[in-house]
Protein backbone atom coordinates (compact mmCIF):
# COMPACT_ATOMS: atom_id res chain seq x y z
CA UNK A 1 0.07 -0.03 -0.11
CA UNK A 2 1.02 3.52 -0.61
CA UNK A 3 2.15 5.51 2.53
CA UNK A 4 -0.48 8.26 3.63
CA UNK A 5 0.73 11.97 3.46
CA UNK A 6 -0.05 14.95 5.96
CA UNK A 7 -0.21 17.95 4.77
CA UNK A 8 -0.22 21.39 6.90
CA UNK A 9 -1.92 24.30 5.48
CA UNK A 10 -0.68 27.55 7.47
CA UNK A 11 -2.93 30.20 7.55
CA UNK A 12 -0.62 33.12 8.71
CA UNK A 13 -2.42 36.61 10.04
CA UNK A 14 -1.06 40.00 8.15
CA UNK A 15 1.04 41.48 10.84
CA UNK A 16 0.10 44.82 11.95
CA UNK A 17 2.78 47.27 12.17
CA UNK A 18 1.97 50.94 13.85
CA UNK A 19 4.59 53.50 13.65
CA UNK A 20 4.60 57.46 14.48
CA UNK A 21 6.23 60.06 14.23
CA UNK A 22 9.40 60.03 16.49
CA UNK A 23 8.40 56.83 17.69
CA UNK A 24 10.43 53.62 17.78
CA UNK A 25 8.58 50.52 15.69
CA UNK A 26 6.71 48.56 17.97
CA UNK A 27 6.75 44.45 18.21
CA UNK A 28 5.13 42.63 15.20
CA UNK A 29 2.28 40.43 16.52
CA UNK A 30 2.02 36.90 14.31
CA UNK A 31 -1.09 34.81 14.79
CA UNK A 32 -0.47 31.33 13.23
CA UNK A 33 -3.34 28.38 12.69
CA UNK A 34 -2.49 25.31 11.69
CA UNK A 35 -4.97 22.87 10.35
CA UNK A 36 -3.96 19.23 9.81
CA UNK A 37 -5.63 16.84 6.90
CA UNK A 38 -4.78 13.44 6.31
CA UNK A 39 -4.29 12.12 2.84
CA UNK A 40 -5.01 8.48 1.89
CA UNK A 41 -4.02 6.64 -1.51
CA UNK A 42 -6.96 4.98 -3.49
CA UNK A 43 -5.34 1.41 -2.17
CA UNK A 44 -5.33 2.20 1.41
CA UNK A 45 -9.22 2.41 1.87
CA UNK A 46 -12.19 -0.27 0.95
CA UNK A 47 -15.62 -0.68 1.16
CA UNK A 48 -17.53 -3.01 3.44
CA UNK A 49 -19.39 -5.32 1.71
CA UNK A 50 -22.15 -8.05 2.19
CA UNK A 51 -20.10 -11.36 1.91
CA UNK A 52 -20.29 -15.13 2.85
CA UNK A 53 -17.41 -16.26 4.54
CA UNK A 54 -16.18 -19.75 5.37
CA UNK A 55 -13.70 -20.23 8.35
CA UNK A 56 -10.77 -23.02 8.04
CA UNK A 57 -7.69 -23.82 8.69
CA UNK A 58 -4.54 -24.99 6.85
CA UNK A 59 -3.70 -28.54 6.83
CA UNK A 60 -0.93 -31.27 5.97
CA UNK A 61 -1.49 -34.78 5.47
CA UNK A 62 -1.04 -37.58 3.31
CA UNK A 63 -2.97 -39.96 1.21
CA UNK A 64 -3.67 -43.47 1.92
CA UNK A 65 -5.71 -46.28 0.46
CA UNK A 66 -8.69 -46.96 2.21
CA UNK A 67 -8.50 -50.65 1.38
CA UNK A 68 -5.23 -52.20 1.31
CA UNK A 69 -3.60 -55.61 2.30
CA UNK A 70 -0.24 -57.68 2.75
CA UNK A 71 -0.45 -60.84 1.28
CA UNK A 72 0.92 -63.95 3.66
CA UNK A 73 1.97 -67.42 3.96
CA UNK A 74 -0.08 -69.74 5.89
CA UNK A 75 2.76 -72.54 5.43
CA UNK A 76 6.34 -72.45 5.21
CA UNK A 77 7.68 -73.51 1.72
CA UNK A 78 10.13 -72.74 -1.16
CA UNK A 79 8.11 -70.17 -3.51
CA UNK A 80 7.76 -71.74 -6.64
CA UNK A 81 6.40 -68.99 -8.90
CA UNK A 82 5.37 -65.33 -8.46
CA UNK A 83 2.76 -64.31 -11.06
CA UNK A 84 2.60 -60.95 -10.71
CA UNK A 85 4.67 -57.73 -10.14
CA UNK A 86 4.27 -54.59 -8.92
CA UNK A 87 1.85 -52.14 -10.85
CA UNK A 88 -0.27 -54.67 -11.79
CA UNK A 89 -4.08 -54.88 -11.48
CA UNK A 90 -5.38 -58.29 -9.87
CA UNK A 91 -8.88 -59.21 -9.33
CA UNK A 92 -10.21 -61.06 -6.18
CA UNK A 93 -9.33 -64.99 -6.23
CA UNK A 94 -6.60 -64.50 -8.95
CA UNK A 95 -3.72 -66.61 -8.37
CA UNK A 96 -0.73 -64.43 -7.36
CA UNK A 97 2.06 -67.15 -5.73
CA UNK A 98 2.34 -70.78 -6.19
CA UNK A 99 4.48 -72.70 -3.57
CA UNK A 100 6.48 -75.99 -3.88
CA UNK A 101 4.13 -78.92 -2.78
CA UNK A 102 6.29 -81.74 -2.65
CA UNK A 103 6.08 -81.89 1.32
CA UNK A 104 2.90 -80.92 1.61
CA UNK A 105 1.64 -83.51 -0.82
CA UNK A 106 3.49 -86.03 1.36
CA UNK A 107 1.82 -84.71 4.62
CA UNK A 108 -1.00 -85.26 3.36
CA UNK A 109 -0.46 -88.79 2.29
CA UNK A 110 1.27 -89.42 5.62
CA UNK A 111 -2.03 -88.15 7.14
CA UNK A 112 -4.47 -90.26 4.79
CA UNK A 113 -2.56 -93.32 5.95
CA UNK A 114 -2.45 -92.51 9.58
CA UNK A 115 -6.49 -92.23 9.56
CA UNK A 116 -6.66 -95.67 7.50
CA UNK A 117 -4.74 -97.37 10.32
CA UNK A 118 -6.89 -95.43 12.61
CA UNK A 119 -10.48 -96.87 11.24
CA UNK A 120 -8.91 -100.25 11.18
CA UNK A 121 -8.24 -100.12 14.73
CA UNK A 122 -11.35 -98.51 15.40
CA UNK A 123 -13.23 -101.41 13.65
CA UNK A 124 -11.12 -104.09 15.43
CA UNK A 125 -11.93 -102.32 19.05
CA UNK A 126 -15.89 -102.24 18.02
CA UNK A 127 -15.66 -106.10 16.93
CA UNK A 128 -13.97 -106.83 20.00
CA UNK A 129 -16.25 -104.96 22.51
CA UNK A 130 -19.17 -106.13 20.93
CA UNK A 131 -17.95 -109.67 21.44
CA UNK A 132 -17.10 -108.78 24.96
CA UNK A 133 -20.90 -107.72 25.78
CA UNK A 134 -21.91 -111.31 24.46
CA UNK A 135 -19.71 -112.82 26.97
CA UNK A 136 -20.34 -110.27 29.47
CA UNK A 137 -23.95 -111.40 29.73
CA UNK A 138 -23.13 -115.15 29.83
CA UNK A 139 -21.01 -114.15 32.85
CA UNK A 140 -17.36 -115.46 30.69
CA UNK A 141 -16.17 -111.49 31.25
CA UNK A 142 -15.56 -109.85 33.84
CA UNK A 143 -16.95 -106.40 34.79
CA UNK A 144 -13.50 -104.90 34.64
CA UNK A 145 -12.36 -106.37 31.20
CA UNK A 146 -16.02 -105.41 29.60
CA UNK A 147 -15.53 -101.92 30.60
CA UNK A 148 -11.98 -101.83 29.52
CA UNK A 149 -13.33 -103.27 25.95
CA UNK A 150 -15.68 -100.20 25.82
CA UNK A 151 -13.04 -97.82 26.82
CA UNK A 152 -10.59 -99.14 23.97
CA UNK A 153 -13.49 -98.59 21.32
CA UNK A 154 -14.25 -95.24 22.45
CA UNK A 155 -10.48 -94.46 22.46
CA UNK A 156 -10.39 -95.65 18.71
CA UNK A 157 -13.15 -93.91 17.62
CA UNK A 158 -11.65 -90.65 19.06
CA UNK A 159 -8.53 -91.34 17.19
CA UNK A 160 -10.21 -91.57 13.96
CA UNK A 161 -11.60 -88.23 14.50
CA UNK A 162 -8.20 -86.80 15.27
CA UNK A 163 -6.68 -88.16 12.24
CA UNK A 164 -9.45 -86.83 10.16
CA UNK A 165 -8.62 -83.27 11.65
CA UNK A 166 -4.62 -83.83 10.55
CA UNK A 167 -5.86 -84.87 7.28
CA UNK A 168 -7.90 -81.67 6.95
CA UNK A 169 -4.81 -79.65 8.15
CA UNK A 170 -2.75 -81.42 5.72
CA UNK A 171 -4.86 -80.77 2.82
CA UNK A 172 -5.77 -77.29 4.04
CA UNK A 173 -1.81 -76.55 4.04
CA UNK A 174 -1.63 -78.13 0.38
CA UNK A 175 -4.33 -75.53 -0.53
CA UNK A 176 -2.53 -72.93 0.95
CA UNK A 177 0.19 -73.41 -1.25
CA UNK A 178 -1.53 -71.79 -3.93
CA UNK A 179 -2.09 -68.02 -2.74
CA UNK A 180 -4.71 -65.83 -4.29
CA UNK A 181 -5.88 -62.18 -4.21
CA UNK A 182 -7.68 -61.42 -1.28
CA UNK A 183 -9.21 -58.39 -2.90
CA UNK A 184 -8.99 -56.68 -6.37
CA UNK A 185 -6.42 -54.02 -6.43
CA UNK A 186 -3.12 -53.40 -7.28
CA UNK A 187 0.16 -54.80 -6.34
CA UNK A 188 2.25 -52.33 -4.86
CA UNK A 189 5.37 -54.22 -3.55
CA UNK A 190 6.63 -57.54 -4.30
CA UNK A 191 8.83 -59.02 -1.21
CA UNK A 192 9.66 -62.41 -2.63
CA UNK A 193 11.24 -64.44 -5.67
CA UNK A 194 11.17 -67.50 -7.43
CA UNK A 195 13.35 -70.10 -5.51
CA UNK A 196 13.15 -68.32 -2.29
CA UNK A 197 12.19 -70.20 0.95
CA UNK A 198 9.83 -68.58 3.08
CA UNK A 199 8.41 -69.30 6.49
CA UNK A 200 4.89 -68.97 7.80
CA UNK A 201 3.37 -65.76 7.71
CA UNK A 202 5.75 -63.92 5.60
CA UNK A 203 4.83 -61.00 3.28
CA UNK A 204 4.73 -61.87 -0.32
CA UNK A 205 3.02 -59.01 -1.72
CA UNK A 206 1.33 -55.50 -1.02
CA UNK A 207 -2.04 -55.26 -2.57
CA UNK A 208 -4.15 -52.09 -2.47
CA UNK A 209 -7.40 -50.61 -3.84
CA UNK A 210 -7.09 -46.91 -5.58
CA UNK A 211 -10.47 -46.54 -6.40
CA UNK A 212 -10.92 -45.21 -2.46
CA UNK A 213 -8.57 -42.97 -1.21
CA UNK A 214 -8.28 -41.04 2.10
CA UNK A 215 -6.44 -37.85 3.26
CA UNK A 216 -5.05 -38.55 6.78
CA UNK A 217 -4.30 -35.19 8.59
CA UNK A 218 -4.34 -33.33 11.58
CA UNK A 219 -5.99 -30.24 13.18
CA UNK A 220 -4.23 -28.21 15.91
CA UNK A 221 -5.48 -28.43 19.54
CA UNK A 222 -7.33 -24.70 19.20
CA UNK A 223 -9.42 -25.70 16.64
CA UNK A 224 -10.59 -29.63 17.63
CA UNK A 225 -13.89 -28.26 18.85
CA UNK A 226 -14.89 -26.91 15.52
CA UNK A 227 -14.15 -30.49 13.64
CA UNK A 228 -17.24 -32.65 12.76
CA UNK A 229 -17.86 -35.59 10.59
CA UNK A 230 -18.91 -34.17 6.98
CA UNK A 231 -16.77 -31.16 6.79
CA UNK A 232 -14.99 -30.25 3.58
CA UNK A 233 -11.35 -30.30 2.78
CA UNK A 234 -9.90 -28.42 -0.21
CA UNK A 235 -6.38 -29.69 -0.90
CA UNK A 236 -3.43 -29.58 -3.89
CA UNK A 237 -0.99 -32.05 -4.46
CA UNK A 238 2.73 -31.18 -5.96
CA UNK A 239 2.56 -31.98 -9.51
CA UNK A 240 -1.06 -31.74 -10.30
CA UNK A 241 -2.83 -28.60 -11.52
CA UNK A 242 -6.06 -29.52 -10.28
CA UNK A 243 -7.66 -28.87 -6.60
CA UNK A 244 -8.83 -31.57 -5.10
CA UNK A 245 -11.62 -32.06 -2.01
CA UNK A 246 -12.74 -34.76 0.53
CA UNK A 247 -14.86 -34.97 2.82
CA UNK A 248 -14.07 -35.85 6.46
CA UNK A 249 -15.36 -39.33 7.63
CA UNK A 250 -13.91 -40.32 11.03
CA UNK A 251 -11.98 -38.63 13.60
CA UNK A 252 -9.60 -40.26 16.07
CA UNK A 253 -11.03 -40.30 19.48
CA UNK A 254 -7.38 -39.59 20.82
CA UNK A 255 -5.35 -36.49 20.47
CA UNK A 256 -1.18 -36.35 20.36
CA UNK A 257 0.52 -36.42 23.63
CA UNK A 258 2.88 -34.33 22.49
CA UNK A 259 0.85 -31.48 20.12
CA UNK A 260 -2.66 -32.42 21.03
CA UNK A 261 -3.46 -32.39 17.75
CA UNK A 262 -6.22 -34.46 16.61
CA UNK A 263 -5.64 -36.61 13.95
CA UNK A 264 -8.81 -36.90 11.05
CA UNK A 265 -9.78 -38.91 7.94
CA UNK A 266 -11.15 -37.67 4.96
CA UNK A 267 -12.91 -39.71 1.65
CA UNK A 268 -11.34 -37.99 -1.39
CA UNK A 269 -13.83 -37.30 -3.80
CA UNK A 270 -12.03 -38.33 -7.28
CA UNK A 271 -13.29 -40.32 -10.54
CA UNK A 272 -10.77 -43.09 -11.31
CA UNK A 273 -7.23 -43.58 -10.23
CA UNK A 274 -5.67 -40.42 -11.22
CA UNK A 275 -4.25 -39.85 -7.58
CA UNK A 276 -1.97 -42.23 -5.81
CA UNK A 277 -1.56 -43.70 -2.05
CA UNK A 278 1.25 -41.77 -0.35
CA UNK A 279 1.01 -38.68 -1.62
CA UNK A 280 1.86 -35.55 0.31
CA UNK A 281 -1.32 -33.00 0.44
CA UNK A 282 -1.60 -29.47 1.25
CA UNK A 283 -5.38 -28.07 1.90
CA UNK A 284 -7.30 -26.40 4.09
CA UNK A 285 -10.04 -27.59 6.51
CA UNK A 286 -13.57 -25.84 6.23
CA UNK A 287 -14.80 -25.48 9.77
CA UNK A 288 -18.00 -24.50 11.12
CA UNK A 289 -21.11 -22.87 9.22
CA UNK A 290 -20.81 -20.04 6.81
CA UNK A 291 -21.42 -16.64 7.76
CA UNK A 292 -23.21 -13.93 5.92
CA UNK A 293 -22.69 -10.40 6.70
CA UNK A 294 -20.47 -7.40 6.34
CA UNK A 295 -17.24 -8.49 5.53
CA UNK A 296 -13.75 -6.24 5.51
CA UNK A 297 -10.41 -7.52 5.27
CA UNK A 298 -8.70 -8.69 8.09
CA UNK A 299 -5.75 -6.37 7.67
CA UNK A 300 -7.73 -3.40 8.60
CA UNK A 301 -8.67 -4.80 11.91
CA UNK A 302 -6.88 -3.40 14.89
CA UNK A 303 -6.63 -4.15 18.29
CA UNK A 304 -6.67 -1.98 21.40
CA UNK A 305 -6.91 -3.71 25.05
CA UNK A 306 -8.17 -6.77 23.02
CA UNK A 307 -10.74 -4.56 21.88
CA UNK A 308 -11.14 -4.81 17.82
CA UNK A 309 -12.05 -1.61 15.96
CA UNK A 310 -11.31 -0.39 12.31
CA UNK A 311 -10.57 3.03 11.01
CA UNK A 312 -13.84 4.44 9.30
CA UNK A 313 -14.08 7.43 7.01
CA UNK A 314 -17.39 9.27 8.04
CA UNK A 315 -18.02 12.11 5.79
CA UNK A 316 -14.81 13.82 5.51
CA UNK A 317 -13.25 12.89 9.08
CA UNK A 318 -11.61 9.69 10.27
CA UNK A 319 -13.46 7.48 13.21
CA UNK A 320 -12.27 4.65 15.15
CA UNK A 321 -14.96 2.84 15.03
CA UNK A 322 -15.09 -0.43 17.68
CA UNK A 323 -16.71 -3.69 16.16
CA UNK A 324 -17.77 -7.10 16.60
CA UNK A 325 -16.41 -9.66 15.05
CA UNK A 326 -17.80 -12.96 13.47
CA UNK A 327 -15.97 -15.45 11.24
CA UNK A 328 -12.89 -14.95 9.80
CA UNK A 329 -11.44 -16.81 6.60
CA UNK A 330 -7.68 -16.73 6.87
CA UNK A 331 -7.07 -18.23 3.28
CA UNK A 332 -8.74 -15.23 1.91
CA UNK A 333 -8.20 -12.14 4.49
CA UNK A 334 -12.01 -11.51 5.01
CA UNK A 335 -13.48 -11.40 8.25
CA UNK A 336 -17.39 -10.68 9.21
CA UNK A 337 -18.35 -7.85 11.10
CA UNK A 338 -21.07 -8.58 13.18
CA UNK A 339 -21.58 -4.79 14.76
CA UNK A 340 -20.04 -1.86 14.30
CA UNK A 341 -20.49 -1.28 10.50
CA UNK A 342 -22.84 -1.60 7.45
CA UNK A 343 -22.48 -2.33 4.04
CA UNK A 344 -20.80 0.92 2.30
CA UNK A 345 -18.48 2.10 4.98
CA UNK A 346 -15.33 3.38 3.79
CA UNK A 347 -12.84 1.17 5.89
CA UNK A 348 -8.91 2.48 6.20
CA UNK A 349 -6.57 -0.56 5.46
CA UNK A 350 -3.23 1.09 6.90
CA UNK A 351 -2.61 1.22 10.67
CA UNK A 352 -2.81 4.77 12.14
CA UNK A 353 -2.10 6.63 15.41
CA UNK A 354 -4.67 7.47 17.97
CA UNK A 355 -3.82 11.14 16.74
CA UNK A 356 -5.75 10.35 13.83
CA UNK A 357 -8.77 10.14 15.30
CA UNK A 358 -11.22 12.87 13.93
CA UNK A 359 -8.70 14.05 11.74
CA UNK A 360 -9.94 15.60 8.25
CA UNK A 361 -9.22 13.01 5.73
CA UNK A 362 -8.67 13.65 1.57
CA UNK A 363 -8.38 10.79 -0.35
CA UNK A 364 -5.87 11.44 -3.13
CA UNK A 365 -7.08 10.95 -6.93
């Protein structure tokens, strides 16, 4: 802004000189009257206008996929084949990795043989128990031997159940040697290569779904009370010319122990899969409800003992006008004035000293 200038108009009264014959000249009396005026450039003033202001706060955050997973092994074995690489799109149920199955197949055969043996033993135990029951009725077998036969038959039957369970486990391990995609998405990272031996629960691939992204960011402690579900976030990404937006969908119930900031998650509104997970975002979170009223530039608002005021041109004089403030848009530098001003009032943008109050003002052309 251009600096303002003070012009002093000096009105000097004529000097009255009285002389007389033979008399010495008398003292000259000069009267000076000063009138000060303040000249402001056109860029130093503005008019209050009726506008709508939305309070907002600057945020920084990172994009992450709403749905993502790390594909892991459920058995330990050598990697026989990896069928996908980073960047490839996969669908749910698609085969991603095959593990070597020789050992797993042998375990299935072993479990099948153990089950067959258990079945044979159970059949024999049941036959003995039935024979003992007949002999017991004829009192050829003691009570203790009869009960022992029943217990042995029951034990053999339970062993059959155990061997069936072991066979199911062996078959499941064999089936787990063929690893499929648990969800539709894109392969983000590949951890293993063909021929590598992996242990149980070892990571194989990362798969993410870029169709749904969310912005993870934090709000400073002083704005936490205004943070609610459904608020809009406008943000930009380095390398993109467009401005994107998201909607707050979740709020962390626990503040950061060091900064007291609260993390929120905003669902990104996007068409297609233009944005990627992991990108850094900068933007502004809209807080509260938009407010309509008399709006002035925030730089025009000054404070005296914590009381806000503005310099207003009333007629041809400056007035120090106290105001009551409403919503502030820090991005656009605008503030709603609830009381003290009307639409069309001329407001001074520069800071003045208290001596400027009631001073005549002149606007430079």
